[in-house]
């Protein structure tokens, strides 16, 4: 199967993911800048590279820019994936901080990220277990239903015609 046929079968998001995966860090930054600047020259200057460098890049960069314009969500997810390892390294470095509060906070974030938050007990107003007074509610509802039934029965009797 040719590349064009394969691409026709892939969604735009899948095509963009593949295109972004082939780019260097600077190429990725350039593709993102192209979304905000009208020319390659301005986009290159905005990210601090020489315009000639951007003009020499192959068609992968232009294809990625075209697809990104069509699917910016996939681009953001790809950038997040690339930053994940760096972000985790920052968190792990926090475990070695001299500040106990930072070490505790980072430890909690890492643990909760892996295991989830610890279960929090539900307590009543007095700090003891929660109590539900269902019988009071049930009794009130039964009284109201009995009143409605009695009123309905009385209405039914009064609405019947006399059989004289």
Protein backbone atom coordinates (compact mmCIF):
# COMPACT_ATOMS: atom_id res chain seq x y z
CA UNK A 1 0.00 0.00 0.00
CA UNK A 2 1.36 3.42 -0.88
CA UNK A 3 1.88 6.23 1.62
CA UNK A 4 -0.97 8.29 0.16
CA UNK A 5 -3.40 5.38 0.47
CA UNK A 6 -2.27 4.69 4.04
CA UNK A 7 -2.72 8.36 4.94
CA UNK A 8 -6.21 8.39 3.43
CA UNK A 9 -7.16 5.61 5.85
CA UNK A 10 -5.72 7.39 8.90
CA UNK A 11 -7.49 10.17 10.75
CA UNK A 12 -5.98 13.64 10.73
CA UNK A 13 -5.01 13.16 14.38
CA UNK A 14 -3.14 9.94 13.59
CA UNK A 15 -1.38 11.55 10.63
CA UNK A 16 -0.39 14.54 12.76
CA UNK A 17 0.88 12.31 15.55
CA UNK A 18 3.08 10.45 13.06
CA UNK A 19 4.31 13.69 11.44
CA UNK A 20 5.17 15.32 14.80
CA UNK A 21 7.03 12.22 15.95
CA UNK A 22 9.45 12.66 13.01
CA UNK A 23 10.36 16.26 13.93
CA UNK A 24 13.24 17.58 16.03
CA UNK A 25 12.57 19.85 18.99
CA UNK A 26 13.34 22.99 16.94
CA UNK A 27 11.18 21.78 14.07
CA UNK A 28 8.32 21.19 16.47
CA UNK A 29 8.72 24.68 17.93
CA UNK A 30 8.78 26.10 14.39
CA UNK A 31 5.60 24.25 13.38
CA UNK A 32 3.86 25.66 16.46
CA UNK A 33 5.12 29.19 15.66
CA UNK A 34 3.78 28.85 12.11
CA UNK A 35 0.29 28.71 13.61
CA UNK A 36 0.75 32.29 14.92
CA UNK A 37 2.92 33.96 12.26
CA UNK A 38 2.04 34.58 8.61
CA UNK A 39 5.45 33.66 7.17
CA UNK A 40 8.22 31.13 7.68
CA UNK A 41 10.67 34.00 8.20
CA UNK A 42 8.63 35.53 11.05
CA UNK A 43 7.99 32.14 12.67
CA UNK A 44 11.71 31.28 12.54
CA UNK A 45 12.73 34.61 14.03
CA UNK A 46 10.09 34.26 16.75
CA UNK A 47 11.72 31.07 18.04
CA UNK A 48 15.29 32.28 17.57
CA UNK A 49 16.43 30.27 14.55
CA UNK A 50 17.73 31.55 11.22
CA UNK A 51 15.06 31.71 8.52
CA UNK A 52 17.42 29.90 6.12
CA UNK A 53 17.36 26.91 8.48
CA UNK A 54 13.57 26.74 8.33
CA UNK A 55 13.55 27.03 4.53
CA UNK A 56 15.99 24.09 4.24
CA UNK A 57 13.84 21.66 6.25
CA UNK A 58 12.15 18.88 4.33
CA UNK A 59 8.45 18.46 3.57
CA UNK A 60 7.79 16.79 6.94
CA UNK A 61 7.75 20.21 8.60
CA UNK A 62 5.27 21.67 6.10
CA UNK A 63 3.06 18.58 6.32
CA UNK A 64 3.07 18.77 10.12
CA UNK A 65 2.14 22.46 9.98
CA UNK A 66 -0.73 21.73 7.60
CA UNK A 67 -2.04 18.90 9.76
CA UNK A 68 -1.60 20.93 12.95
CA UNK A 69 -3.80 23.64 11.57
CA UNK A 70 -6.41 20.93 11.10
CA UNK A 71 -5.91 19.31 14.49
CA UNK A 72 -4.45 21.43 17.27
CA UNK A 73 -5.66 19.06 20.02
CA UNK A 74 -3.48 16.21 18.80
CA UNK A 75 -0.53 18.61 18.70
CA UNK A 76 -1.06 19.64 22.33
CA UNK A 77 -1.23 15.99 23.41
CA UNK A 78 2.00 15.18 21.57
CA UNK A 79 3.74 18.13 23.24
CA UNK A 80 2.44 16.98 26.64
CA UNK A 81 3.77 13.46 26.04
CA UNK A 82 7.18 14.86 25.15
CA UNK A 83 7.21 17.00 28.31
CA UNK A 84 6.04 14.21 30.62
CA UNK A 85 9.47 12.70 31.28
CA UNK A 86 10.95 16.12 31.99
CA UNK A 87 8.08 17.01 34.34
CA UNK A 88 8.47 13.72 36.19
CA UNK A 89 12.21 14.35 36.55
CA UNK A 90 11.42 17.71 38.17
CA UNK A 91 9.02 16.01 40.58
CA UNK A 92 11.55 13.33 41.46
CA UNK A 93 14.25 15.97 42.03
CA UNK A 94 11.86 17.55 44.54
CA UNK A 95 12.27 14.43 46.69
CA UNK A 96 15.83 15.59 47.37
CA UNK A 97 14.87 19.15 48.34
CA UNK A 98 16.24 20.53 51.59
CA UNK A 99 12.76 21.81 52.41
CA UNK A 100 10.72 19.13 54.21
CA UNK A 101 7.42 20.63 52.99
CA UNK A 102 8.51 20.29 49.37
CA UNK A 103 9.64 16.69 49.91
CA UNK A 104 6.32 15.85 51.56
CA UNK A 105 4.28 17.53 48.84
CA UNK A 106 6.18 15.86 46.02
CA UNK A 107 5.98 12.49 47.75
CA UNK A 108 2.22 12.83 48.10
CA UNK A 109 1.79 13.82 44.45
CA UNK A 110 3.86 10.89 43.20
CA UNK A 111 2.13 8.38 45.48
CA UNK A 112 -1.35 9.64 44.62
CA UNK A 113 -0.46 9.67 40.93
CA UNK A 114 0.36 5.98 41.11
CA UNK A 115 -2.05 4.69 43.76
CA UNK A 116 -4.81 7.29 43.81
CA UNK A 117 -5.90 9.35 46.78
CA UNK A 118 -6.39 7.64 50.10
CA UNK A 119 -10.00 6.98 51.03
CA UNK A 120 -11.43 9.73 53.20
CA UNK A 121 -13.85 8.59 55.93
CA UNK A 122 -17.23 10.27 56.06
CA UNK A 123 -18.15 11.54 59.49
CA UNK A 124 -21.17 13.14 61.05
CA UNK A 125 -21.39 16.61 62.59
CA UNK A 126 -20.03 15.33 65.92
CA UNK A 127 -17.05 13.65 64.26
CA UNK A 128 -18.59 10.22 64.71
CA UNK A 129 -20.12 8.03 62.03
CA UNK A 130 -22.80 9.52 59.81
CA UNK A 131 -26.35 8.64 60.84
CA UNK A 132 -29.40 8.73 58.66
CA UNK A 133 -32.79 9.04 60.32
CA UNK A 134 -34.73 7.21 57.65
CA UNK A 135 -37.62 6.27 59.94
CA UNK A 136 -38.54 9.94 60.51
CA UNK A 137 -38.62 10.61 56.79
CA UNK A 138 -40.48 7.38 56.05
CA UNK A 139 -43.11 8.14 58.73
CA UNK A 140 -43.62 11.65 57.35
CA UNK A 141 -44.08 10.33 53.82
CA UNK A 142 -46.52 7.63 54.98
CA UNK A 143 -48.61 10.24 56.85
CA UNK A 144 -48.73 12.44 53.75
CA UNK A 145 -49.69 9.51 51.50
CA UNK A 146 -52.41 8.45 53.95
CA UNK A 147 -53.78 12.01 53.92
CA UNK A 148 -53.77 12.09 50.13
CA UNK A 149 -55.45 8.68 49.96
CA UNK A 150 -58.12 9.71 52.48
CA UNK A 151 -58.79 12.96 50.65
CA UNK A 152 -58.98 11.08 47.34
CA UNK A 153 -61.40 8.53 48.80
CA UNK A 154 -63.59 11.28 50.26
CA UNK A 155 -63.63 13.07 46.90
CA UNK A 156 -64.54 9.84 45.13
CA UNK A 157 -67.49 9.22 47.51
CA UNK A 158 -68.80 12.78 47.24
CA UNK A 159 -68.62 12.78 43.43
CA UNK A 160 -70.75 9.65 42.99
CA UNK A 161 -74.34 10.32 41.91
CA UNK A 162 -77.22 9.36 44.20
CA UNK A 163 -78.99 6.18 43.16
CA UNK A 164 -82.53 7.13 44.24
